[in-house]
Protein backbone atom coordinates (compact mmCIF):
# COMPACT_ATOMS: atom_id res chain seq x y z
CA MET A 1 16.18 5.53 -47.58
CA LYS A 2 18.42 8.39 -46.79
CA ILE A 3 21.33 7.65 -49.11
CA ILE A 4 18.34 7.37 -52.20
CA ALA A 5 16.68 10.26 -50.96
CA LEU A 6 19.72 12.45 -50.61
CA PRO A 7 20.47 12.06 -55.01
CA LEU A 8 16.55 12.72 -55.43
CA ALA A 9 16.79 15.90 -53.32
CA LEU A 10 19.55 17.37 -55.59
CA ILE A 11 18.06 16.19 -58.65
CA ALA A 12 14.69 17.79 -57.81
CA GLY A 13 16.42 20.96 -56.49
CA SER A 14 18.56 21.15 -59.44
CA ALA A 15 15.23 21.19 -61.78
CA SER A 16 13.91 23.59 -59.68
CA ALA A 17 16.94 26.00 -59.58
CA GLN A 18 16.74 25.67 -55.94
CA SER A 19 19.46 25.15 -53.22
CA PHE A 20 19.12 21.79 -51.35
CA ASP A 21 18.78 22.30 -47.33
CA PRO A 22 20.30 19.13 -45.50
CA ALA A 23 18.09 20.45 -42.12
CA ASP A 24 14.78 19.56 -44.27
CA GLU A 25 15.84 15.89 -44.66
CA LEU A 26 16.29 16.15 -40.66
CA ARG A 27 12.88 17.74 -39.97
CA ALA A 28 11.44 14.60 -42.29
CA ASP A 29 13.11 11.94 -40.42
CA ALA A 30 12.20 13.35 -36.73
CA ALA A 31 8.91 13.75 -37.90
CA MET A 32 8.50 10.25 -39.24
CA ARG A 33 10.22 9.08 -35.90
CA THR A 34 7.49 11.11 -34.07
CA SER A 35 4.69 9.67 -36.18
CA SER A 36 6.05 6.03 -35.34
CA LEU A 37 6.10 7.12 -31.52
CA ALA A 38 2.74 8.34 -31.58
CA GLU A 39 1.22 5.29 -33.11
CA THR A 40 3.13 2.87 -30.31
CA GLY A 41 2.02 4.80 -27.70
CA ALA A 42 4.19 6.97 -25.08
CA GLY A 43 3.61 9.32 -22.47
CA TRP A 44 1.81 10.35 -19.62
CA GLU A 45 -1.78 9.43 -18.25
CA LYS A 46 -3.55 8.95 -14.85
CA GLY A 47 -0.49 9.73 -13.28
CA ASN A 48 1.89 7.26 -14.91
CA PHE A 49 4.56 7.35 -17.93
CA PHE A 50 3.64 4.86 -20.29
CA ILE A 51 4.91 3.03 -23.25
CA THR A 52 2.67 0.56 -25.39
CA ASP A 53 2.61 -1.12 -28.67
CA GLY A 54 -1.20 0.22 -29.41
CA GLY A 55 -2.45 -3.23 -28.60
CA ALA A 56 -2.02 -5.64 -25.52
CA ASN A 57 1.26 -5.00 -24.65
CA THR A 58 1.86 -1.65 -22.11
CA LEU A 59 4.27 -0.82 -19.35
CA LYS A 60 4.01 2.22 -16.88
CA VAL A 61 6.52 3.09 -14.63
CA TYR A 62 5.42 4.22 -11.10
CA GLY A 63 7.07 5.04 -7.45
CA PHE A 64 6.42 7.81 -4.70
CA THR A 65 8.46 8.84 -2.07
CA GLN A 66 7.48 9.40 1.78
CA PHE A 67 9.84 12.17 3.70
CA ARG A 68 9.15 12.70 7.52
CA TYR A 69 10.45 14.80 10.30
CA LEU A 70 9.78 12.65 13.56
CA ALA A 71 9.78 13.75 17.17
CA ASN A 72 8.98 11.75 20.26
CA PHE A 73 8.92 12.64 23.94
CA ARG A 74 9.03 9.86 26.58
CA ASP A 75 9.76 9.95 30.24
CA GLU A 76 13.22 10.78 31.20
CA ASP A 77 13.85 8.05 33.49
CA SER A 78 12.90 5.22 30.89
CA ALA A 79 14.30 6.78 27.68
CA GLY A 80 17.92 5.31 28.47
CA GLU A 81 20.97 6.55 26.32
CA GLN A 82 18.22 8.44 23.85
CA GLY A 83 16.86 10.59 26.07
CA ASP A 84 13.27 11.80 26.81
CA PHE A 85 13.40 13.98 23.29
CA THR A 86 14.53 11.95 20.06
CA HIS A 87 13.76 13.82 16.91
CA GLY A 88 15.25 13.58 13.03
CA PHE A 89 14.40 13.14 9.82
CA GLN A 90 13.44 9.42 7.84
CA MET A 91 13.17 8.44 4.42
CA ARG A 92 9.96 5.94 5.61
CA ARG A 93 9.36 4.73 2.06
CA THR A 94 11.13 5.02 -1.18
CA ARG A 95 9.42 3.19 -3.91
CA LEU A 96 9.98 2.33 -7.84
CA GLY A 97 7.65 0.00 -9.55
CA MET A 98 6.67 -1.03 -13.06
CA LYS A 99 2.73 -2.61 -14.01
CA GLY A 100 1.16 -3.26 -17.08
CA SER A 101 -0.21 -6.21 -19.78
CA ILE A 102 1.08 -8.56 -22.09
CA TRP A 103 0.02 -10.51 -24.58
CA ASP A 104 -3.52 -10.18 -23.58
CA LYS A 105 -4.93 -6.83 -21.91
CA ASN A 106 -6.34 -9.25 -19.31
CA LEU A 107 -2.71 -10.68 -18.63
CA THR A 108 -1.42 -8.03 -16.15
CA PHE A 109 1.57 -7.35 -13.83
CA ASP A 110 3.05 -5.62 -11.07
CA ILE A 111 6.55 -5.42 -9.44
CA VAL A 112 7.59 -3.19 -7.13
CA GLY A 113 10.58 -2.58 -4.95
CA GLU A 114 11.53 -0.62 -1.95
CA PHE A 115 14.96 1.15 -0.86
CA SER A 116 15.60 0.31 2.59
CA ARG A 117 15.37 3.42 5.15
CA SER A 118 18.24 2.20 6.99
CA THR A 119 20.70 0.80 4.39
CA GLY A 120 19.79 1.96 1.14
CA VAL A 121 18.97 -1.76 -0.10
CA PHE A 122 16.83 -2.05 -3.14
CA THR A 123 14.50 -5.06 -2.05
CA LEU A 124 11.22 -6.78 -3.54
CA VAL A 125 7.89 -5.74 -2.21
CA ASP A 126 5.28 -7.12 -4.59
CA GLY A 127 5.84 -9.15 -7.64
CA PHE A 128 2.70 -10.64 -9.51
CA ALA A 129 1.02 -11.71 -12.39
CA GLN A 130 -3.14 -11.67 -12.60
CA TYR A 131 -5.69 -12.88 -15.41
CA LYS A 132 -8.89 -11.52 -15.28
CA PHE A 133 -11.86 -13.51 -17.05
CA ASP A 134 -14.91 -11.91 -18.46
CA ASN A 135 -16.90 -13.16 -15.82
CA GLY A 136 -15.70 -11.14 -13.20
CA MET A 137 -13.41 -13.67 -11.96
CA ASN A 138 -9.70 -13.47 -11.71
CA VAL A 139 -6.62 -15.56 -10.47
CA ARG A 140 -3.27 -13.88 -9.38
CA TRP A 141 0.05 -15.51 -8.53
CA GLY A 142 3.17 -14.31 -6.77
CA GLN A 143 4.18 -11.83 -3.97
CA PHE A 144 1.22 -9.68 -2.82
CA LYS A 145 -0.63 -8.76 0.37
CA VAL A 146 -2.58 -11.15 1.80
CA PRO A 147 -6.61 -10.10 1.58
CA PHE A 148 -7.09 -10.09 5.46
CA MET A 149 -7.35 -6.46 7.06
CA ARG A 150 -8.41 -3.37 5.00
CA GLU A 151 -6.23 -1.27 6.74
CA GLU A 152 -3.32 -2.88 5.29
CA LEU A 153 -5.10 -3.46 2.00
CA ILE A 154 -5.50 0.23 1.57
CA SER A 155 -2.14 1.70 -0.42
CA ASP A 156 0.33 3.38 1.74
CA VAL A 157 -0.17 6.60 -0.30
CA ARG A 158 -3.81 6.42 0.33
CA GLN A 159 -4.12 6.30 4.22
CA LEU A 160 -6.02 8.89 6.40
CA THR A 161 -3.46 9.08 8.94
CA VAL A 162 0.58 9.37 8.29
CA GLU A 163 0.72 5.76 9.14
CA ARG A 164 -1.27 2.62 9.90
CA SER A 165 -2.28 1.99 13.67
CA THR A 166 -0.77 -0.08 16.36
CA PHE A 167 -3.86 -2.36 15.59
CA ASN A 168 -2.92 -3.10 12.04
CA THR A 169 0.41 -3.56 12.51
CA VAL A 170 -0.40 -6.39 15.76
CA PHE A 171 -3.02 -8.39 13.27
CA SER A 172 -2.16 -7.72 9.58
CA GLN A 173 -0.70 -10.67 7.88
CA MET A 174 1.41 -8.41 5.72
CA ARG A 175 2.59 -9.71 2.31
CA SER A 176 3.31 -13.41 1.27
CA GLN A 177 3.98 -15.91 -1.48
CA GLY A 178 0.69 -17.73 -2.79
CA ILE A 179 -2.13 -18.02 -5.43
CA GLN A 180 -5.41 -15.82 -4.97
CA LEU A 181 -8.83 -16.58 -6.68
CA GLY A 182 -10.95 -13.34 -6.90
CA TYR A 183 -14.12 -12.44 -7.94
CA GLU A 184 -15.67 -8.75 -8.51
CA GLY A 185 -19.36 -8.06 -9.32
CA GLU A 186 -21.26 -4.69 -8.73
CA LYS A 187 -22.14 -4.69 -5.18
CA PHE A 188 -19.65 -7.52 -3.97
CA ARG A 189 -16.31 -8.74 -4.18
CA GLY A 190 -13.99 -11.25 -2.72
CA TRP A 191 -10.81 -13.33 -2.61
CA ALA A 192 -9.61 -16.83 -1.49
CA GLU A 193 -5.81 -17.20 -1.01
CA VAL A 194 -3.30 -20.59 -0.37
CA SER A 195 -0.23 -19.00 0.72
CA ASP A 196 2.99 -19.47 2.71
CA GLY A 197 1.23 -17.96 5.69
CA GLY A 198 1.14 -14.55 6.86
CA ASN A 199 4.09 -12.17 7.02
CA ALA A 200 5.88 -14.36 4.57
CA ILE A 201 7.67 -11.71 2.32
CA ASN A 202 10.88 -12.74 0.19
CA THR A 203 10.72 -16.10 1.86
CA ASP A 204 12.41 -19.44 0.14
CA PHE A 205 9.69 -22.67 0.49
CA THR A 206 12.43 -24.10 2.73
CA SER A 207 12.31 -20.94 5.07
CA GLY A 208 11.90 -21.36 8.62
CA SER A 209 10.36 -18.00 8.91
CA GLU A 210 6.76 -19.05 6.99
CA ALA A 211 4.39 -21.30 8.11
CA ASP A 212 3.80 -24.62 6.20
CA PHE A 213 0.36 -23.52 4.55
CA GLY A 214 -1.92 -20.49 4.78
CA LEU A 215 -5.78 -20.21 4.01
CA THR A 216 -7.52 -16.73 3.69
CA ALA A 217 -10.67 -15.50 2.38
CA ARG A 218 -12.43 -12.02 2.14
CA GLY A 219 -15.20 -10.82 1.41
CA GLU A 220 -16.82 -7.06 0.76
CA PHE A 221 -20.59 -5.66 0.15
CA ARG A 222 -20.73 -2.06 -1.07
CA TRP A 223 -23.72 0.06 -1.32
CA GLY A 224 -24.71 3.52 -2.07
CA ASP A 225 -22.81 5.72 -5.15
CA GLY A 226 -20.09 5.02 -6.76
CA ASP A 227 -18.16 1.52 -7.62
CA PHE A 228 -15.29 -0.40 -5.64
CA LYS A 229 -12.91 2.00 -7.23
CA ARG A 230 -13.94 4.28 -4.70
CA PHE A 231 -12.78 2.54 -1.53
CA GLU A 232 -9.10 2.10 -2.75
CA ASP A 233 -8.84 5.20 -0.07
CA PHE A 234 -10.25 6.34 3.21
CA THR A 235 -10.97 9.85 2.36
CA SER A 236 -14.24 10.98 0.92
CA TRP A 237 -13.62 14.20 -1.31
CA ARG A 238 -16.02 17.13 -0.89
CA GLY A 239 -18.65 16.95 -3.50
CA SER A 240 -18.95 13.17 -3.15
CA LYS A 241 -22.47 11.35 -2.18
CA TYR A 242 -23.42 8.66 0.20
CA ALA A 243 -21.59 5.28 0.31
CA GLY A 244 -20.56 2.25 2.37
CA LEU A 245 -18.70 -0.73 2.47
CA VAL A 246 -18.60 -3.81 5.05
CA GLY A 247 -16.10 -6.73 5.09
CA ALA A 248 -15.35 -9.68 6.88
CA ALA A 249 -12.24 -11.71 6.54
CA VAL A 250 -10.66 -15.21 8.19
CA HIS A 251 -7.02 -16.74 7.77
CA TYR A 252 -5.54 -19.54 8.89
CA HIS A 253 -1.83 -21.12 8.86
CA ASP A 254 0.08 -24.02 10.64
CA GLY A 255 3.34 -25.09 10.80
CA GLY A 256 5.90 -27.76 12.22
CA GLU A 257 6.39 -30.06 9.19
CA THR A 258 8.73 -27.58 6.94
CA GLY A 259 12.18 -27.96 8.75
CA GLY A 260 12.40 -24.83 11.04
CA THR A 261 8.80 -23.63 10.77
CA THR A 262 6.93 -22.65 14.41
CA ASP A 263 4.48 -25.64 15.12
CA THR A 264 2.03 -23.58 15.89
CA ALA A 265 -1.80 -22.85 14.57
CA VAL A 266 -3.16 -19.31 14.38
CA PHE A 267 -6.55 -18.67 13.50
CA SER A 268 -7.57 -15.03 12.70
CA ALA A 269 -10.70 -13.00 11.75
CA THR A 270 -12.04 -9.23 11.42
CA VAL A 271 -14.86 -7.52 10.47
CA ASP A 272 -14.79 -3.50 9.22
CA VAL A 273 -16.89 -1.15 8.17
CA SER A 274 -16.60 2.18 6.32
CA ILE A 275 -19.05 4.77 5.23
CA GLU A 276 -18.41 8.30 3.39
CA GLY A 277 -20.19 11.09 2.34
CA ASP A 278 -19.95 14.81 1.18
CA GLY A 279 -16.62 15.35 2.44
CA TRP A 280 -16.34 13.22 5.44
CA ASN A 281 -15.33 9.47 6.02
CA LEU A 282 -15.60 6.89 9.18
CA PHE A 283 -14.06 3.78 9.57
CA ALA A 284 -13.93 0.82 12.41
CA ALA A 285 -12.86 -2.56 12.35
CA GLY A 286 -12.10 -5.18 14.97
CA ALA A 287 -10.25 -8.35 15.13
CA TRP A 288 -9.72 -11.58 17.00
CA ARG A 289 -6.93 -13.79 16.56
CA ASN A 290 -6.37 -17.33 18.26
CA THR A 291 -2.90 -18.86 18.89
CA ASP A 292 -2.26 -22.61 19.87
CA PRO A 293 1.29 -23.50 19.95
CA ALA A 294 2.20 -27.31 20.06
CA GLY A 295 2.64 -28.25 23.57
CA GLY A 296 1.72 -24.78 24.76
CA ALA A 297 -0.94 -23.23 26.16
CA SER A 298 -3.50 -20.97 23.35
CA THR A 299 -4.08 -17.96 23.79
CA ASP A 300 -7.05 -15.31 22.64
CA ASP A 301 -6.23 -11.44 21.44
CA PHE A 302 -8.41 -9.26 20.60
CA GLY A 303 -8.21 -5.29 18.98
CA VAL A 304 -10.33 -2.42 17.56
CA VAL A 305 -9.73 0.79 15.80
CA VAL A 306 -12.05 3.90 14.96
CA GLN A 307 -11.09 6.60 12.89
CA GLY A 308 -12.80 9.51 10.65
CA GLY A 309 -11.73 12.49 8.43
CA PHE A 310 -13.74 15.73 7.56
CA PHE A 311 -12.62 18.56 5.10
CA PHE A 312 -12.77 22.15 6.34
CA SER A 313 -11.57 23.70 2.87
CA ASP A 314 -11.22 22.05 -0.57
CA GLN A 315 -7.84 20.98 0.25
CA CYS A 316 -7.45 20.69 4.13
CA GLU A 317 -8.62 17.53 5.90
CA ALA A 318 -8.75 16.76 9.82
CA PHE A 319 -8.77 13.29 11.12
CA ALA A 320 -8.85 11.58 14.27
CA ARG A 321 -8.20 7.93 15.38
CA TYR A 322 -8.20 5.78 18.19
CA ASP A 323 -6.88 2.20 18.34
CA ALA A 324 -6.40 -0.27 21.34
CA ILE A 325 -5.39 -3.80 21.68
CA PHE A 326 -6.66 -6.39 24.25
CA PRO A 327 -4.36 -9.19 24.78
CA ASP A 328 -4.86 -12.59 26.28
CA ASP A 329 -3.58 -12.02 30.07
CA ALA A 330 -0.65 -14.09 29.20
CA ASN A 331 0.47 -11.57 26.74
CA GLY A 332 0.26 -8.79 29.01
CA ASP A 333 -1.79 -5.34 29.45
CA ASP A 334 -3.98 -3.43 27.11
CA PHE A 335 -2.34 -1.01 24.94
CA HIS A 336 -4.27 2.37 23.83
CA THR A 337 -3.40 5.00 20.91
CA LEU A 338 -5.41 8.31 20.36
CA THR A 339 -4.02 10.21 16.83
CA ALA A 340 -4.98 13.41 15.51
CA GLY A 341 -3.79 15.35 12.48
CA VAL A 342 -4.53 16.98 9.36
CA ASN A 343 -3.77 16.53 5.50
CA TYR A 344 -3.05 19.31 2.88
CA TYR A 345 -3.69 17.93 -0.65
CA VAL A 346 -1.70 20.36 -3.09
CA SER A 347 -3.67 18.81 -5.97
CA PRO A 348 -7.40 18.68 -4.79
CA GLN A 349 -9.00 15.54 -4.75
CA SER A 350 -5.72 14.06 -5.43
CA HIS A 351 -3.02 11.98 -3.46
CA ALA A 352 -0.34 12.71 -5.48
CA VAL A 353 1.40 15.60 -3.91
CA LYS A 354 0.11 15.46 -0.07
CA ILE A 355 1.14 16.95 3.43
CA SER A 356 0.37 15.43 6.49
CA ALA A 357 1.14 16.04 10.07
CA ASP A 358 -0.15 13.90 13.42
CA VAL A 359 0.34 13.81 17.07
CA GLN A 360 0.00 10.21 18.63
CA TYR A 361 -0.17 9.67 22.28
CA TYR A 362 0.27 6.29 23.41
CA PHE A 363 -1.36 5.69 26.75
CA ASN A 364 0.41 2.41 27.87
CA ASP A 365 4.00 1.38 28.30
CA GLU A 366 4.67 -1.08 25.30
CA GLY A 367 7.12 -3.25 27.20
CA THR A 368 4.10 -4.70 29.23
CA ASN A 369 2.52 -5.81 26.14
CA ALA A 370 4.19 -8.85 24.05
CA LEU A 371 1.88 -7.97 20.97
CA VAL A 372 3.34 -4.26 20.61
CA SER A 373 7.12 -3.87 19.80
CA PRO A 374 8.78 -0.44 19.01
CA THR A 375 8.86 0.64 15.60
CA THR A 376 10.46 3.68 14.17
CA GLY A 377 8.04 3.43 11.08
CA SER A 378 5.07 4.33 13.81
CA ASN A 379 7.31 6.38 15.97
CA LEU A 380 6.86 4.16 19.09
CA LEU A 381 10.32 3.50 20.61
CA ALA A 382 11.03 1.67 23.74
CA ASP A 383 9.81 3.03 27.13
CA THR A 384 9.02 1.60 30.51
CA GLU A 385 6.64 4.16 31.53
CA ASP A 386 3.07 5.26 30.40
CA GLY A 387 2.34 8.33 27.99
CA GLN A 388 4.50 8.34 25.16
CA VAL A 389 3.78 11.12 22.95
CA ALA A 390 4.81 11.05 19.13
CA LEU A 391 4.62 13.80 16.38
CA ARG A 392 4.89 12.84 12.51
CA VAL A 393 5.35 15.44 9.43
CA GLN A 394 4.91 13.61 6.10
CA ALA A 395 5.56 15.25 2.67
CA GLN A 396 4.41 12.86 -0.05
CA VAL A 397 5.11 12.90 -3.85
CA MET A 398 3.69 9.87 -6.57
CA PHE A 399 4.26 9.63 -10.13
């Protein structure tokens, strides 16, 4: 077209006794390309960069980073070579993802990976596809979070505190690979999943680190103002009306048949409730787990968490949390944690840019509880005495 356009332009220019400007051709070509781009669709919408063909095929790129300063205070005699004061910076999470739809707007996908905070290696976190039917049913397959603990199901970027509780760390089933059937109505939603068992991320089907099979079911009922999207975080902004959510879930997995898997049956159950109002929120949950190893003694462990938040200005939110682990006698002593802090939302009513700080007090020695392990993610370090104090300050940016 450009080869033809140039002679025609010259002829037209001669006829009108005006000179030809090549810049006009470039501007026309740019305008054509811009018009084509607008028709297919590309840009920024609802916090994500996107590309679309104007129909069923869409692609959104997203990600976030959580950068922290951590300080930990322990008993001098129990801290060992690290000393009784340990502090420094940490890239807690840095993730990149792509999501969208293909062929049909109801057929969606989500693939996200994370850079390791210790090695920088990029690994898969979630990778799944889902089809949503017109009757509220949906089916999902791939690697994703097991639908068990509500605290775990809330995104990393939408937590009330800087990090999830020790209670969640002990009882959550984290991620696995499997197939999930879901349903969402106006007041009720639920999920049922067949998987490789809890905590089976990035495992092959012959792996000894997963179960032979896992079964999970969770249901939630809501009341009050809004819809289920309101409960994608724990926060309730100023001006929000009263609403609540109650949920319950069960999980069972067993092993011993696939080479290397542990011949242990695990049955877990949890119940939770969330209540929100005008600038305030409350959440409570409890969990029980029975572990029955082949040839060994069965154990029963329990745990609870209670937390709440309150906005004292449009952008500042104070929060507090208490959680406790009550292990079977065979698994050691109780473990209690108290957390308090503040969130500052740089953009009001948005988690996109958020600065958070909290202080945790670990009442008990983690070494006397077989269910609790030291983890830098929660700023819980190895100790042999009661009374560890952990400070966390986090800057979060989403795109």
